[in-house]
Structure formats: C-alpha cells, structure tokens
Amino acid sequence: VGHTSFLPNRDAVDFFLTDIWPAVRARRPSATFHLIGRSAPADRASFAAHPAVTAHDYVPDVRPHLAQADCSVVPIRFGGGTRIKILGRAVVSTPVGCEGLRAVNGENILVCDTPTAFADGVTEVLTNADLRLRLGEGGRRTVEELYSWDRVGVGIRELYWQLV
C-alpha cells in the first residue's frame, strides 16, 4: 500500500516481484498479490504483467482489501516514514520495513532479512492458519496498546502541557 513514485516503495515492489514473488508462487501457485497505491499507468501494467499480480490504483478505503488479505508484505529496504499502518494483520517485513515499531518477530510480525527467508515467511503465513491468526491478533493488540489515537493522544497532551 503506497505510492510507487516514492523511491523506497518502488524499490520494495520491484524487489518483491523480482526476488520474492516467484519463490512464493512456486510453493503456492494459487497465491495472488494485490498492490494498492498510485502508480503511473505504465508502471501498473508492468507490475500486473507478473503472474497473479493485480496493480490497483488509488482506492478510497484500503480496509476491504486488507480484510481479504491473508498476508501483508513490507519488503522495504531503505527510507523512512510511518510504519504503524503495517500492523494489525499477519505481516512479513524486512527489518527496515518495521523500524521504530515494537515489532516482535514471531509474535506480532515475521521479520525476514533475505529474499529466501522472506519467501519462506510469506509461504508459512499463507499455509499456517494458526500462525496467521497469532500474528494478526498480536499486531492488532500492539496497535491498540501502543499506537491507538487514545494512547498517542496521551503523550501528545503531556507534551503540550510541558510546552505551555
């Protein structure tokens, strides 16, 4: 999920489609990959040329797409940005993709640092319903306990009071 005009996102998509997706498809031929976010039409066509890949453009609400996903992937290799949005589903990420989060490998996310390990992680999430459920519940719990608006708001209010 994200604009592919942003270089870290574009690199992540290219990395996933070239180095990871073929291995996932070899193990799980029924797997599909949905890319959501603004992309140039030529880029969407290029992404969709890969087997079982759908390149959506901007969607007004990502929640229905995420609700249908068995696994979310975050193959980010460099760059910064807000990472909170990745948790709440079964997620496989690079170490950079979950930087700054209270991500605990195997509890609320799978963190994989090589293409082979990443493909293994995605395959395991797709085939292991217990793992998928555990990661999703752990991610959701992490979001609610640490990153909900109520929790973040407390810290912001305290900061404002200190400034006043």
C-alpha atoms as a PDB file:
ATOM      1  CA  VAL A   1       0.000   0.000   0.000  1.00  0.00           C
ATOM      2  CA  GLY A   2       1.592   3.266  -1.119  1.00  0.00           C
ATOM      3  CA  HIS A   3       2.678   5.477  -3.965  1.00  0.00           C
ATOM      4  CA  THR A   4       5.219   3.784  -6.184  1.00  0.00           C
ATOM      5  CA  SER A   5       6.566   7.168  -7.234  1.00  0.00           C
ATOM      6  CA  PHE A   6       8.207   7.217  -3.767  1.00  0.00           C
ATOM      7  CA  LEU A   7      11.556   5.526  -4.401  1.00  0.00           C
ATOM      8  CA  PRO A   8      11.588   3.241  -1.311  1.00  0.00           C
ATOM      9  CA  ASN A   9       8.120   1.954  -2.250  1.00  0.00           C
ATOM     10  CA  ARG A  10       9.082   1.416  -5.877  1.00  0.00           C
ATOM     11  CA  ASP A  11      12.233  -0.434  -4.837  1.00  0.00           C
ATOM     12  CA  ALA A  12      10.170  -2.585  -2.457  1.00  0.00           C
ATOM     13  CA  VAL A  13       7.702  -3.546  -5.189  1.00  0.00           C
ATOM     14  CA  ASP A  14      10.473  -4.341  -7.672  1.00  0.00           C
ATOM     15  CA  PHE A  15      12.381  -6.320  -5.029  1.00  0.00           C
ATOM     16  CA  PHE A  16       9.287  -8.295  -4.041  1.00  0.00           C
ATOM     17  CA  LEU A  17       8.198  -9.055  -7.606  1.00  0.00           C
ATOM     18  CA  THR A  18      11.677  -9.992  -8.810  1.00  0.00           C
ATOM     19  CA  ASP A  19      13.335 -11.686  -5.829  1.00  0.00           C
ATOM     20  CA  ILE A  20      10.496 -12.998  -3.651  1.00  0.00           C
ATOM     21  CA  TRP A  21       7.253 -13.459  -5.559  1.00  0.00           C
ATOM     22  CA  PRO A  22       8.497 -16.175  -7.943  1.00  0.00           C
ATOM     23  CA  ALA A  23       9.510 -18.353  -4.978  1.00  0.00           C
ATOM     24  CA  VAL A  24       6.172 -17.784  -3.247  1.00  0.00           C
ATOM     25  CA  ARG A  25       4.270 -18.696  -6.424  1.00  0.00           C
ATOM     26  CA  ALA A  26       6.402 -21.813  -6.926  1.00  0.00           C
ATOM     27  CA  ARG A  27       5.326 -23.014  -3.486  1.00  0.00           C
ATOM     28  CA  ARG A  28       1.782 -21.604  -3.530  1.00  0.00           C
ATOM     29  CA  PRO A  29       0.579 -21.428  -7.155  1.00  0.00           C
ATOM     30  CA  SER A  30      -2.820 -20.162  -6.010  1.00  0.00           C
ATOM     31  CA  ALA A  31      -1.322 -17.113  -4.266  1.00  0.00           C
ATOM     32  CA  THR A  32      -2.242 -13.666  -5.549  1.00  0.00           C
ATOM     33  CA  PHE A  33      -0.585 -10.311  -4.902  1.00  0.00           C
ATOM     34  CA  HIS A  34      -2.526  -7.049  -4.767  1.00  0.00           C
ATOM     35  CA  LEU A  35      -0.613  -3.800  -4.960  1.00  0.00           C
ATOM     36  CA  ILE A  36      -2.577  -0.743  -3.851  1.00  0.00           C
ATOM     37  CA  GLY A  37      -1.461   2.821  -4.437  1.00  0.00           C
ATOM     38  CA  ARG A  38      -0.964   5.457  -7.049  1.00  0.00           C
ATOM     39  CA  SER A  39       1.279   4.388  -9.885  1.00  0.00           C
ATOM     40  CA  ALA A  40       1.746   5.567 -13.418  1.00  0.00           C
ATOM     41  CA  PRO A  41      -0.389   3.516 -15.836  1.00  0.00           C
ATOM     42  CA  ALA A  42       2.742   2.064 -17.461  1.00  0.00           C
ATOM     43  CA  ASP A  43       4.058   1.002 -14.048  1.00  0.00           C
ATOM     44  CA  ARG A  44       0.746  -0.640 -13.115  1.00  0.00           C
ATOM     45  CA  ALA A  45       0.831  -2.542 -16.404  1.00  0.00           C
ATOM     46  CA  SER A  46       4.406  -3.627 -15.740  1.00  0.00           C
ATOM     47  CA  PHE A  47       3.537  -4.837 -12.232  1.00  0.00           C
ATOM     48  CA  ALA A  48       0.404  -6.627 -13.450  1.00  0.00           C
ATOM     49  CA  ALA A  49       2.452  -8.449 -16.107  1.00  0.00           C
ATOM     50  CA  HIS A  50       3.799 -10.664 -13.303  1.00  0.00           C
ATOM     51  CA  PRO A  51       1.791 -13.833 -12.667  1.00  0.00           C
ATOM     52  CA  ALA A  52      -1.229 -13.408 -10.363  1.00  0.00           C
ATOM     53  CA  VAL A  53      -0.498  -9.738  -9.650  1.00  0.00           C
ATOM     54  CA  THR A  54      -3.213  -7.077  -9.601  1.00  0.00           C
ATOM     55  CA  ALA A  55      -1.995  -3.484  -9.523  1.00  0.00           C
ATOM     56  CA  HIS A  56      -4.777  -1.321  -8.163  1.00  0.00           C
ATOM     57  CA  ASP A  57      -4.505   2.437  -8.375  1.00  0.00           C
ATOM     58  CA  TYR A  58      -5.654   4.673  -5.529  1.00  0.00           C
ATOM     59  CA  VAL A  59      -8.563   3.198  -3.584  1.00  0.00           C
ATOM     60  CA  PRO A  60     -10.721   5.335  -1.298  1.00  0.00           C
ATOM     61  CA  ASP A  61     -10.583   2.777   1.518  1.00  0.00           C
ATOM     62  CA  VAL A  62      -7.892   0.108   1.907  1.00  0.00           C
ATOM     63  CA  ARG A  63      -9.724  -1.713   4.698  1.00  0.00           C
ATOM     64  CA  PRO A  64     -11.764  -4.050   2.458  1.00  0.00           C
ATOM     65  CA  HIS A  65      -8.594  -5.039   0.601  1.00  0.00           C
ATOM     66  CA  LEU A  66      -6.685  -5.660   3.833  1.00  0.00           C
ATOM     67  CA  ALA A  67      -9.602  -7.635   5.266  1.00  0.00           C
ATOM     68  CA  GLN A  68      -9.337 -10.044   2.321  1.00  0.00           C
ATOM     69  CA  ALA A  69      -5.567 -10.444   2.638  1.00  0.00           C
ATOM     70  CA  ASP A  70      -4.102 -13.483   4.347  1.00  0.00           C
ATOM     71  CA  CYS A  71      -0.684 -11.821   4.484  1.00  0.00           C
ATOM     72  CA  SER A  72       0.597  -8.273   4.168  1.00  0.00           C
ATOM     73  CA  VAL A  73       4.142  -7.771   2.927  1.00  0.00           C
ATOM     74  CA  VAL A  74       6.521  -4.917   3.707  1.00  0.00           C
ATOM     75  CA  PRO A  75       9.650  -5.510   1.609  1.00  0.00           C
ATOM     76  CA  ILE A  76      11.044  -2.011   2.275  1.00  0.00           C
ATOM     77  CA  ARG A  77      14.850  -1.917   2.109  1.00  0.00           C
ATOM     78  CA  PHE A  78      15.535   1.780   2.756  1.00  0.00           C
ATOM     79  CA  GLY A  79      13.798   5.031   3.585  1.00  0.00           C
ATOM     80  CA  GLY A  80      11.724   6.425   6.399  1.00  0.00           C
ATOM     81  CA  GLY A  81       8.089   7.051   7.072  1.00  0.00           C
ATOM     82  CA  THR A  82       5.191   5.993   9.220  1.00  0.00           C
ATOM     83  CA  ARG A  83       5.215   2.277   9.851  1.00  0.00           C
ATOM     84  CA  ILE A  84       2.250   1.999  12.230  1.00  0.00           C
ATOM     85  CA  LYS A  85      -0.082   1.227   9.341  1.00  0.00           C
ATOM     86  CA  ILE A  86       1.570  -2.151   8.714  1.00  0.00           C
ATOM     87  CA  LEU A  87       0.436  -3.860  11.930  1.00  0.00           C
ATOM     88  CA  GLY A  88      -2.944  -5.407  12.549  1.00  0.00           C
ATOM     89  CA  ARG A  89      -2.766  -8.262  10.031  1.00  0.00           C
ATOM     90  CA  ALA A  90      -0.364 -11.128   9.544  1.00  0.00           C
ATOM     91  CA  VAL A  91       2.694  -9.249   8.259  1.00  0.00           C
ATOM     92  CA  VAL A  92       6.026 -10.299   6.795  1.00  0.00           C
ATOM     93  CA  SER A  93       8.531  -7.439   6.742  1.00  0.00           C
ATOM     94  CA  THR A  94      12.159  -6.634   6.248  1.00  0.00           C
ATOM     95  CA  PRO A  95      13.922  -5.189   9.312  1.00  0.00           C
ATOM     96  CA  VAL A  96      13.770  -1.718   7.735  1.00  0.00           C
ATOM     97  CA  GLY A  97      10.065  -2.124   6.988  1.00  0.00           C
ATOM     98  CA  CYS A  98       9.172  -2.353  10.682  1.00  0.00           C
ATOM     99  CA  GLU A  99      11.811   0.028  12.047  1.00  0.00           C
ATOM    100  CA  GLY A 100      10.671   2.017  15.054  1.00  0.00           C
ATOM    101  CA  LEU A 101       7.779  -0.276  15.909  1.00  0.00           C
ATOM    102  CA  ARG A 102       7.545  -2.601  18.855  1.00  0.00           C
ATOM    103  CA  ALA A 103       7.726  -5.471  16.419  1.00  0.00           C
ATOM    104  CA  VAL A 104       8.458  -8.829  17.991  1.00  0.00           C
ATOM    105  CA  ASN A 105       9.421 -11.453  15.442  1.00  0.00           C
ATOM    106  CA  GLY A 106       7.032 -14.382  15.641  1.00  0.00           C
ATOM    107  CA  GLU A 107       4.584 -12.602  17.961  1.00  0.00           C
ATOM    108  CA  ASN A 108       3.147  -9.674  16.000  1.00  0.00           C
ATOM    109  CA  ILE A 109       5.122  -9.879  12.753  1.00  0.00           C
ATOM    110  CA  LEU A 110       7.615 -12.036  10.870  1.00  0.00           C
ATOM    111  CA  VAL A 111      10.871 -10.186  10.204  1.00  0.00           C
ATOM    112  CA  CYS A 112      12.939 -11.617   7.348  1.00  0.00           C
ATOM    113  CA  ASP A 113      16.214 -10.213   6.069  1.00  0.00           C
ATOM    114  CA  THR A 114      16.860 -12.195   2.868  1.00  0.00           C
ATOM    115  CA  PRO A 115      14.694 -12.905  -0.181  1.00  0.00           C
ATOM    116  CA  THR A 116      14.671 -16.629   0.637  1.00  0.00           C
ATOM    117  CA  ALA A 117      13.675 -16.037   4.257  1.00  0.00           C
ATOM    118  CA  PHE A 118      11.018 -13.544   3.124  1.00  0.00           C
ATOM    119  CA  ALA A 119       9.524 -16.057   0.670  1.00  0.00           C
ATOM    120  CA  ASP A 120       9.636 -18.705   3.406  1.00  0.00           C
ATOM    121  CA  GLY A 121       7.825 -16.335   5.783  1.00  0.00           C
ATOM    122  CA  VAL A 122       5.103 -15.461   3.281  1.00  0.00           C
ATOM    123  CA  THR A 123       4.615 -19.123   2.410  1.00  0.00           C
ATOM    124  CA  GLU A 124       4.393 -20.057   6.084  1.00  0.00           C
ATOM    125  CA  VAL A 125       1.789 -17.357   6.747  1.00  0.00           C
ATOM    126  CA  LEU A 126      -0.250 -18.467   3.733  1.00  0.00           C
ATOM    127  CA  THR A 127      -0.211 -22.135   4.747  1.00  0.00           C
ATOM    128  CA  ASN A 128      -0.349 -21.938   8.543  1.00  0.00           C
ATOM    129  CA  ALA A 129      -3.693 -20.619   9.781  1.00  0.00           C
ATOM    130  CA  ASP A 130      -2.576 -20.681  13.434  1.00  0.00           C
ATOM    131  CA  LEU A 131       0.461 -18.528  12.674  1.00  0.00           C
ATOM    132  CA  ARG A 132      -1.626 -16.183  10.551  1.00  0.00           C
ATOM    133  CA  LEU A 133      -4.140 -15.745  13.374  1.00  0.00           C
ATOM    134  CA  ARG A 134      -1.453 -15.310  16.052  1.00  0.00           C
ATOM    135  CA  LEU A 135       0.422 -12.656  14.056  1.00  0.00           C
ATOM    136  CA  GLY A 136      -2.772 -10.807  13.187  1.00  0.00           C
ATOM    137  CA  GLU A 137      -4.007 -10.789  16.775  1.00  0.00           C
ATOM    138  CA  GLY A 138      -0.567  -9.825  18.073  1.00  0.00           C
ATOM    139  CA  GLY A 139      -0.314  -6.976  15.583  1.00  0.00           C
ATOM    140  CA  ARG A 140      -3.783  -5.717  16.425  1.00  0.00           C
ATOM    141  CA  ARG A 141      -3.049  -5.893  20.155  1.00  0.00           C
ATOM    142  CA  THR A 142       0.198  -3.947  19.623  1.00  0.00           C
ATOM    143  CA  VAL A 143      -1.653  -1.236  17.712  1.00  0.00           C
ATOM    144  CA  GLU A 144      -4.374  -0.949  20.347  1.00  0.00           C
ATOM    145  CA  GLU A 145      -1.978  -0.933  23.301  1.00  0.00           C
ATOM    146  CA  LEU A 146       0.729   1.320  21.887  1.00  0.00           C
ATOM    147  CA  TYR A 147      -0.410   3.186  18.784  1.00  0.00           C
ATOM    148  CA  SER A 148      -4.142   3.882  19.090  1.00  0.00           C
ATOM    149  CA  TRP A 149      -5.260   7.509  18.912  1.00  0.00           C
ATOM    150  CA  ASP A 150      -6.105   7.373  22.628  1.00  0.00           C
ATOM    151  CA  ARG A 151      -2.611   6.150  23.564  1.00  0.00           C
ATOM    152  CA  VAL A 152      -0.798   8.521  21.238  1.00  0.00           C
ATOM    153  CA  GLY A 153      -3.062  11.376  22.328  1.00  0.00           C
ATOM    154  CA  VAL A 154      -1.989  10.982  25.976  1.00  0.00           C
ATOM    155  CA  GLY A 155       1.646  11.520  25.001  1.00  0.00           C
ATOM    156  CA  ILE A 156       0.820  14.492  22.803  1.00  0.00           C
ATOM    157  CA  ARG A 157      -1.286  16.117  25.537  1.00  0.00           C
ATOM    158  CA  GLU A 158       1.554  15.648  28.032  1.00  0.00           C
ATOM    159  CA  LEU A 159       3.970  17.252  25.591  1.00  0.00           C
ATOM    160  CA  TYR A 160       1.595  20.192  25.045  1.00  0.00           C
ATOM    161  CA  TRP A 161       1.254  20.705  28.810  1.00  0.00           C
ATOM    162  CA  GLN A 162       5.031  20.735  29.170  1.00  0.00           C
ATOM    163  CA  LEU A 163       5.290  23.344  26.432  1.00  0.00           C
ATOM    164  CA  VAL A 164       2.574  25.514  27.991  1.00  0.00           C
END
